[in-house]
Amino acid sequence: MPETTAWRMPAEWTPHERTWMAWPSAGYALGEDEAEADVARRTWADVARAVARFEPVTTVVTGHDIHRCREYLGNDTAHPIDLVIADLDDAWMRDIGPTFVLSPQGRLGGVDWVFNGWGAQEWASWENDARVGALVADAAGAKTIPSPVVCEGGAIHVDGEGTVLLTETVQLDPGRNPDLTRADVEAELARTLGVDTFIWLPRGLTRDYDEFGTRGHVDICATFTEPGRVLLHWQEDPSHPDHEVSRELEAVLREARDSAGRPLDVVRLPAPTTLTDAEGPVDWSYVNHLVTNGGVVACTFEDPNDERALAILREVYPGREVVAVDARPLYDRGGGIHCITQQQPESA
């Protein structure tokens, strides 16, 4: 078992200081024309404003886009939305930003993973985004913790008590970490996140292996809602390729034990009834939500299963207000609400 260190990543449901985002100013997320760019900006703004109902938000934005960003975000939210100026390639803060951790004394740290465009994808650029982790950690007043491992925030989920969910096809991706073994990855996550129990899922959702996918991010498949309980994307329709993926992941999760030795309570979160779009089988997922201070910002899709999913989220996060945002423009661009946000925990 890898030796853990003092740093530990808190669970997402613990109190936050703020949430970090990045503004779509260029790259794939912005789109190919002004109409697509407007949809992207409005959707990122909708998510930021939803989060700001519960906690402060800080958005990284390029200097040339600062006034337009402020126009879309507005200034009438319950909590402030602040701006930090920096160059960007794209706007997926979960992946380009730091993973925040705490010391036993409550000191804030930020793990600065290597970012290489989701495994050196041909369409991606990352010269600027590769610097965002350290920049955000510094702006947050965190101690930067450099890591030699290629990783993204969407590739990990923790329960805050020593257990992490991750996928083989991301962490052991030849485009990311061609020379690393499972043991190597586990040792680095133990050092940086304070985890000691690793639940390796064999793969992610099918669409995520297309040209603009991440090759299996876990935060679209499964997440902890409390220690000992996992919410699992559940494709009910046998005609969709994720029908088999869901069952494969469930089998692994039901055999797993967490850091405390508990079997996991696996809660099925049904996928939307929509099965395809113009590109093929969709990977729309309600799992890709953000837990905030007193709330949950959830993906919806104008789908008959929206209300089923929101009801389950209210049940597994009792006492939190669940706020829905139409996430179809995000998924059109390769991700969801969790993918464009990164929580900063409260620190001493």
Protein backbone atom coordinates (compact mmCIF):
# COMPACT_ATOMS: atom_id res chain seq x y z
CA MET A 1 0.00 0.00 0.00
CA PRO A 2 1.48 3.41 -0.95
CA GLU A 3 2.56 5.65 1.91
CA THR A 4 0.35 8.71 2.28
CA THR A 5 1.58 12.19 3.07
CA ALA A 6 0.15 15.11 5.01
CA TRP A 7 -1.75 16.62 2.07
CA ARG A 8 -5.30 15.38 1.59
CA MET A 9 -7.94 16.26 -0.99
CA PRO A 10 -11.24 17.01 0.76
CA ALA A 11 -14.48 15.59 -0.57
CA GLU A 12 -16.41 17.91 -2.84
CA TRP A 13 -19.31 18.20 -0.37
CA THR A 14 -17.14 19.79 2.35
CA PRO A 15 -17.24 23.62 2.70
CA HIS A 16 -15.76 25.68 -0.13
CA GLU A 17 -13.99 29.01 -0.14
CA ARG A 18 -14.99 29.49 -3.78
CA THR A 19 -15.27 27.81 -7.18
CA TRP A 20 -12.86 28.52 -10.04
CA MET A 21 -13.80 28.65 -13.71
CA ALA A 22 -12.23 29.76 -17.01
CA TRP A 23 -13.91 31.90 -19.66
CA PRO A 24 -14.22 30.50 -23.21
CA SER A 25 -12.10 32.93 -25.22
CA ALA A 26 -10.63 30.65 -27.88
CA GLY A 27 -10.24 27.00 -28.74
CA TYR A 28 -12.68 24.21 -29.34
CA ALA A 29 -15.06 25.26 -26.57
CA LEU A 30 -15.76 28.65 -28.14
CA GLY A 31 -16.89 27.21 -31.46
CA GLU A 32 -16.39 28.09 -35.12
CA ASP A 33 -18.54 31.19 -35.54
CA GLU A 34 -20.04 34.03 -33.54
CA ALA A 35 -23.37 32.23 -33.01
CA GLU A 36 -21.60 29.23 -31.48
CA ALA A 37 -19.42 31.55 -29.42
CA ASP A 38 -22.50 33.28 -28.01
CA VAL A 39 -23.99 29.91 -26.99
CA ALA A 40 -20.74 28.95 -25.25
CA ARG A 41 -20.48 32.24 -23.41
CA ARG A 42 -24.10 32.15 -22.29
CA THR A 43 -23.75 28.57 -21.03
CA TRP A 44 -20.53 29.21 -19.10
CA ALA A 45 -22.19 32.30 -17.64
CA ASP A 46 -25.30 30.31 -16.68
CA VAL A 47 -23.12 27.86 -14.75
CA ALA A 48 -21.11 30.64 -13.06
CA ARG A 49 -24.26 32.45 -12.03
CA ALA A 50 -25.81 29.23 -10.71
CA VAL A 51 -22.71 28.52 -8.61
CA ALA A 52 -22.67 32.12 -7.37
CA ARG A 53 -26.07 31.54 -5.77
CA PHE A 54 -24.17 29.48 -3.19
CA GLU A 55 -20.54 30.65 -3.05
CA PRO A 56 -18.06 33.07 -4.63
CA VAL A 57 -16.73 32.33 -8.11
CA THR A 58 -13.43 33.38 -9.66
CA THR A 59 -13.14 33.18 -13.43
CA VAL A 60 -9.86 33.24 -15.33
CA VAL A 61 -10.28 35.30 -18.51
CA THR A 62 -7.96 36.59 -21.21
CA GLY A 63 -7.25 40.32 -21.20
CA HIS A 64 -8.98 40.95 -24.52
CA ASP A 65 -12.21 39.31 -23.33
CA ILE A 66 -12.57 40.81 -19.87
CA HIS A 67 -15.30 43.33 -20.72
CA ARG A 68 -17.35 40.83 -22.71
CA CYS A 69 -16.99 38.30 -19.90
CA ARG A 70 -18.30 40.77 -17.34
CA GLU A 71 -21.22 41.64 -19.61
CA TYR A 72 -22.33 37.99 -19.80
CA LEU A 73 -21.74 37.29 -16.09
CA GLY A 74 -23.58 40.37 -14.82
CA ASN A 75 -23.18 41.84 -11.34
CA ASP A 76 -26.39 40.80 -9.59
CA THR A 77 -25.45 37.43 -8.06
CA ALA A 78 -25.77 36.58 -4.37
CA HIS A 79 -22.02 35.96 -4.16
CA PRO A 80 -19.36 37.83 -6.16
CA ILE A 81 -17.90 36.63 -9.44
CA ASP A 82 -14.32 37.89 -9.59
CA LEU A 83 -12.01 37.89 -12.61
CA VAL A 84 -8.34 36.98 -12.93
CA ILE A 85 -6.56 37.82 -16.20
CA ALA A 86 -4.39 35.18 -17.87
CA ASP A 87 -3.81 33.69 -21.30
CA LEU A 88 -5.88 30.58 -22.09
CA ASP A 89 -6.13 27.94 -24.78
CA ASP A 90 -9.54 26.65 -23.70
CA ALA A 91 -11.94 26.78 -20.76
CA TRP A 92 -12.07 23.42 -18.93
CA MET A 93 -10.98 24.54 -15.46
CA ARG A 94 -11.46 21.11 -13.87
CA ASP A 95 -8.68 19.79 -16.06
CA ILE A 96 -6.31 22.71 -16.48
CA GLY A 97 -6.55 24.09 -12.95
CA PRO A 98 -4.96 22.79 -9.76
CA THR A 99 -6.47 20.09 -7.57
CA PHE A 100 -6.81 21.75 -4.18
CA VAL A 101 -5.69 19.91 -1.05
CA LEU A 102 -5.32 20.71 2.64
CA SER A 103 -2.62 20.03 5.23
CA PRO A 104 -3.57 18.71 8.69
CA GLN A 105 -3.32 22.32 9.92
CA GLY A 106 -5.69 23.50 7.20
CA ARG A 107 -3.08 25.05 4.93
CA LEU A 108 -4.21 25.23 1.30
CA GLY A 109 -2.20 23.44 -1.37
CA GLY A 110 -2.72 23.13 -5.10
CA VAL A 111 -1.51 20.08 -7.00
CA ASP A 112 -0.14 21.26 -10.34
CA TRP A 113 -0.48 18.24 -12.64
CA VAL A 114 1.18 18.13 -16.03
CA PHE A 115 -1.44 19.06 -18.62
CA ASN A 116 -0.86 17.98 -22.22
CA GLY A 117 -4.19 18.44 -23.96
CA TRP A 118 -5.88 15.25 -22.73
CA GLY A 119 -3.14 12.97 -23.93
CA ALA A 120 -1.66 15.15 -26.68
CA GLN A 121 -4.80 15.21 -28.80
CA GLU A 122 -4.10 16.40 -32.35
CA TRP A 123 -6.73 19.14 -32.18
CA ALA A 124 -5.69 20.50 -28.77
CA SER A 125 -3.31 23.31 -27.87
CA TRP A 126 -2.06 23.70 -24.31
CA GLU A 127 0.87 26.09 -24.13
CA ASN A 128 -1.16 28.52 -22.02
CA ASP A 129 -3.41 26.01 -20.26
CA ALA A 130 -0.37 24.09 -19.00
CA ARG A 131 0.49 27.14 -16.86
CA VAL A 132 -2.98 27.66 -15.38
CA GLY A 133 -2.59 25.17 -12.52
CA ALA A 134 0.30 27.03 -10.93
CA LEU A 135 -1.24 30.42 -11.75
CA VAL A 136 -4.54 29.59 -10.04
CA ALA A 137 -2.81 28.01 -7.05
CA ASP A 138 -0.78 31.20 -6.61
CA ALA A 139 -3.84 33.43 -7.01
CA ALA A 140 -5.65 31.36 -4.39
CA GLY A 141 -2.78 31.73 -1.94
CA ALA A 142 -2.05 28.00 -2.06
CA LYS A 143 1.30 26.25 -1.84
CA THR A 144 1.95 24.83 -5.30
CA ILE A 145 2.66 21.08 -5.25
CA PRO A 146 4.24 20.16 -8.60
CA SER A 147 3.54 16.70 -9.98
CA PRO A 148 5.36 14.94 -12.83
CA VAL A 149 2.21 12.96 -13.68
CA VAL A 150 -0.13 13.91 -16.51
CA CYS A 151 -3.55 14.08 -14.90
CA GLU A 152 -6.71 16.16 -15.04
CA GLY A 153 -9.19 16.96 -12.29
CA GLY A 154 -11.95 15.18 -14.20
CA ALA A 155 -9.96 11.96 -13.97
CA ILE A 156 -10.30 11.60 -10.18
CA HIS A 157 -13.04 11.61 -7.55
CA VAL A 158 -12.33 11.20 -3.83
CA ASP A 159 -14.41 10.49 -0.74
CA GLY A 160 -12.17 12.62 1.48
CA GLU A 161 -11.34 9.63 3.67
CA GLY A 162 -8.66 7.96 1.58
CA THR A 163 -10.48 6.47 -1.42
CA VAL A 164 -10.18 7.59 -5.03
CA LEU A 165 -12.06 6.60 -8.19
CA LEU A 166 -10.03 6.61 -11.42
CA THR A 167 -9.93 4.91 -14.83
CA GLU A 168 -7.25 2.79 -16.44
CA THR A 169 -7.65 4.40 -19.86
CA VAL A 170 -6.81 7.88 -18.54
CA GLN A 171 -4.12 7.33 -15.95
CA LEU A 172 -2.33 4.64 -17.98
CA ASP A 173 -2.97 6.30 -21.35
CA PRO A 174 0.14 6.06 -23.61
CA GLY A 175 -0.51 9.68 -24.60
CA ARG A 176 -0.34 10.76 -20.97
CA ASN A 177 1.87 8.50 -18.88
CA PRO A 178 3.42 5.90 -21.21
CA ASP A 179 6.09 4.81 -18.74
CA LEU A 180 3.98 4.60 -15.57
CA THR A 181 2.52 1.51 -13.95
CA ARG A 182 -0.51 1.32 -11.68
CA ALA A 183 1.85 1.29 -8.73
CA ASP A 184 3.55 4.47 -9.99
CA VAL A 185 0.21 6.28 -10.36
CA GLU A 186 -0.96 5.09 -6.95
CA ALA A 187 2.22 6.28 -5.28
CA GLU A 188 1.87 9.75 -6.80
CA LEU A 189 -1.82 10.06 -5.88
CA ALA A 190 -0.98 8.92 -2.36
CA ARG A 191 1.68 11.64 -2.16
CA THR A 192 -0.44 14.44 -3.57
CA LEU A 193 -4.02 13.58 -2.52
CA GLY A 194 -3.49 11.60 0.67
CA VAL A 195 -5.36 8.56 -0.64
CA ASP A 196 -4.57 4.93 0.13
CA THR A 197 -7.36 3.02 -1.61
CA PHE A 198 -7.69 3.02 -5.41
CA ILE A 199 -10.81 1.87 -7.25
CA TRP A 200 -9.71 1.38 -10.84
CA LEU A 201 -12.53 1.42 -13.37
CA PRO A 202 -11.62 -0.22 -16.69
CA ARG A 203 -13.04 2.49 -18.97
CA GLY A 204 -15.33 5.48 -19.30
CA LEU A 205 -18.36 6.22 -21.47
CA THR A 206 -18.23 5.33 -25.16
CA ARG A 207 -18.49 8.82 -26.67
CA ASP A 208 -15.55 9.93 -24.54
CA TYR A 209 -13.24 7.92 -26.83
CA ASP A 210 -14.23 9.89 -29.93
CA GLU A 211 -11.97 12.55 -31.42
CA PHE A 212 -12.82 15.26 -28.90
CA GLY A 213 -13.10 13.02 -25.84
CA THR A 214 -10.88 12.61 -22.79
CA ARG A 215 -10.48 8.81 -23.16
CA GLY A 216 -12.42 7.98 -20.06
CA HIS A 217 -12.76 10.70 -17.41
CA VAL A 218 -14.38 9.28 -14.30
CA ASP A 219 -16.42 12.40 -13.47
CA ILE A 220 -18.89 11.58 -16.21
CA CYS A 221 -19.28 7.98 -14.99
CA ALA A 222 -19.32 7.84 -11.20
CA THR A 223 -18.89 10.03 -8.13
CA PHE A 224 -18.98 9.72 -4.36
CA THR A 225 -21.91 11.43 -2.66
CA GLU A 226 -20.68 10.51 0.82
CA PRO A 227 -18.16 7.99 2.14
CA GLY A 228 -19.34 4.51 1.20
CA ARG A 229 -21.82 5.61 -1.48
CA VAL A 230 -21.24 6.04 -5.23
CA LEU A 231 -23.58 7.51 -7.82
CA LEU A 232 -23.24 5.61 -11.12
CA HIS A 233 -24.27 6.67 -14.63
CA TRP A 234 -26.83 4.05 -15.65
CA GLN A 235 -27.77 3.57 -19.30
CA GLU A 236 -31.01 1.62 -19.32
CA ASP A 237 -31.42 1.18 -23.08
CA PRO A 238 -29.71 -1.98 -24.45
CA SER A 239 -29.29 -0.34 -27.87
CA HIS A 240 -26.82 2.21 -26.46
CA PRO A 241 -23.19 1.03 -26.09
CA ASP A 242 -23.04 2.48 -22.57
CA HIS A 243 -25.62 -0.10 -21.48
CA GLU A 244 -22.76 -2.60 -21.23
CA VAL A 245 -20.32 -0.01 -19.86
CA SER A 246 -22.69 0.80 -16.98
CA ARG A 247 -22.95 -2.85 -16.05
CA GLU A 248 -19.23 -3.40 -16.26
CA LEU A 249 -18.55 -0.43 -13.99
CA GLU A 250 -21.23 -1.49 -11.54
CA ALA A 251 -19.69 -4.95 -11.23
CA VAL A 252 -16.32 -3.41 -10.33
CA LEU A 253 -17.84 -0.98 -7.84
CA ARG A 254 -19.89 -3.67 -6.10
CA GLU A 255 -16.75 -5.76 -5.58
CA ALA A 256 -14.74 -2.81 -4.28
CA ARG A 257 -14.08 -1.75 -0.69
CA ASP A 258 -13.26 1.78 0.41
CA SER A 259 -10.46 2.94 2.69
CA ALA A 260 -12.50 1.99 5.76
CA GLY A 261 -13.15 -1.50 4.39
CA ARG A 262 -16.82 -0.83 3.60
CA PRO A 263 -18.58 -2.22 0.53
CA LEU A 264 -19.97 0.56 -1.62
CA ASP A 265 -23.65 1.45 -1.83
CA VAL A 266 -24.02 1.95 -5.60
CA VAL A 267 -26.90 4.23 -6.60
CA ARG A 268 -27.93 4.08 -10.25
CA LEU A 269 -28.47 7.51 -11.81
CA PRO A 270 -30.40 6.94 -15.06
CA ALA A 271 -29.01 8.39 -18.26
CA PRO A 272 -31.20 10.68 -20.35
CA THR A 273 -33.61 8.91 -22.69
CA THR A 274 -31.98 10.70 -25.64
CA LEU A 275 -29.61 8.18 -27.20
CA THR A 276 -27.99 9.89 -30.18
CA ASP A 277 -27.17 13.20 -31.77
CA ALA A 278 -25.70 14.04 -35.17
CA GLU A 279 -22.34 12.57 -34.11
CA GLY A 280 -23.60 9.25 -32.73
CA PRO A 281 -24.37 7.84 -29.25
CA VAL A 282 -24.41 10.65 -26.68
CA ASP A 283 -22.57 10.63 -23.37
CA TRP A 284 -25.01 12.98 -21.64
CA SER A 285 -24.69 12.32 -17.92
CA TYR A 286 -26.28 13.68 -14.77
CA VAL A 287 -23.25 12.44 -12.81
CA ASN A 288 -21.27 15.46 -14.04
CA HIS A 289 -22.67 17.91 -11.46
CA LEU A 290 -20.96 20.23 -8.98
CA VAL A 291 -21.63 20.14 -5.25
CA THR A 292 -21.48 23.63 -3.73
CA ASN A 293 -22.04 25.22 -0.33
CA GLY A 294 -25.66 24.31 0.31
CA GLY A 295 -26.41 23.37 -3.28
CA VAL A 296 -25.87 21.17 -6.30
CA VAL A 297 -25.54 22.61 -9.82
CA ALA A 298 -26.87 19.86 -12.05
CA CYS A 299 -26.88 19.08 -15.77
CA THR A 300 -30.21 18.84 -17.54
CA PHE A 301 -30.96 18.16 -21.20
CA GLU A 302 -34.66 18.97 -21.79
CA ASP A 303 -35.12 15.22 -21.49
CA PRO A 304 -37.91 13.16 -19.89
CA ASN A 305 -35.39 11.78 -17.38
CA ASP A 306 -34.36 15.22 -16.11
CA GLU A 307 -36.85 15.14 -13.25
CA ARG A 308 -35.97 11.54 -12.32
CA ALA A 309 -32.33 12.51 -12.07
CA LEU A 310 -32.96 15.72 -10.13
CA ALA A 311 -35.09 13.78 -7.64
CA ILE A 312 -32.25 11.32 -7.05
CA LEU A 313 -29.76 14.17 -6.59
CA ARG A 314 -32.05 15.75 -3.98
CA GLU A 315 -32.24 12.40 -2.20
CA VAL A 316 -28.49 11.72 -2.11
CA TYR A 317 -27.64 15.31 -1.17
CA PRO A 318 -30.24 16.03 1.53
CA GLY A 319 -30.52 19.63 2.64
CA ARG A 320 -29.00 21.02 -0.56
CA GLU A 321 -30.87 23.00 -3.18
CA VAL A 322 -30.51 21.41 -6.61
CA VAL A 323 -30.29 23.97 -9.44
CA ALA A 324 -30.50 22.82 -13.06
CA VAL A 325 -28.58 24.24 -16.02
CA ASP A 326 -29.10 23.07 -19.62
CA ALA A 327 -25.81 21.32 -20.29
CA ARG A 328 -26.32 20.36 -23.92
CA PRO A 329 -24.04 23.14 -25.23
CA LEU A 330 -21.32 21.90 -22.86
CA TYR A 331 -21.64 18.31 -24.01
CA ASP A 332 -21.61 19.48 -27.62
CA ARG A 333 -18.14 20.81 -26.80
CA GLY A 334 -16.91 17.77 -24.89
CA GLY A 335 -17.85 18.06 -21.22
CA GLY A 336 -20.32 19.07 -18.55
CA ILE A 337 -20.76 21.29 -15.50
CA HIS A 338 -18.19 19.48 -13.37
CA CYS A 339 -15.68 19.78 -16.22
CA ILE A 340 -15.73 23.59 -16.27
CA THR A 341 -15.58 24.13 -12.50
CA GLN A 342 -13.01 23.46 -9.76
CA GLN A 343 -13.81 23.84 -6.07
CA GLN A 344 -11.41 25.47 -3.60
CA PRO A 345 -11.99 24.12 -0.08
CA GLU A 346 -12.09 26.31 3.00
CA SER A 347 -8.66 26.59 4.57
CA ALA A 348 -7.25 27.87 7.83
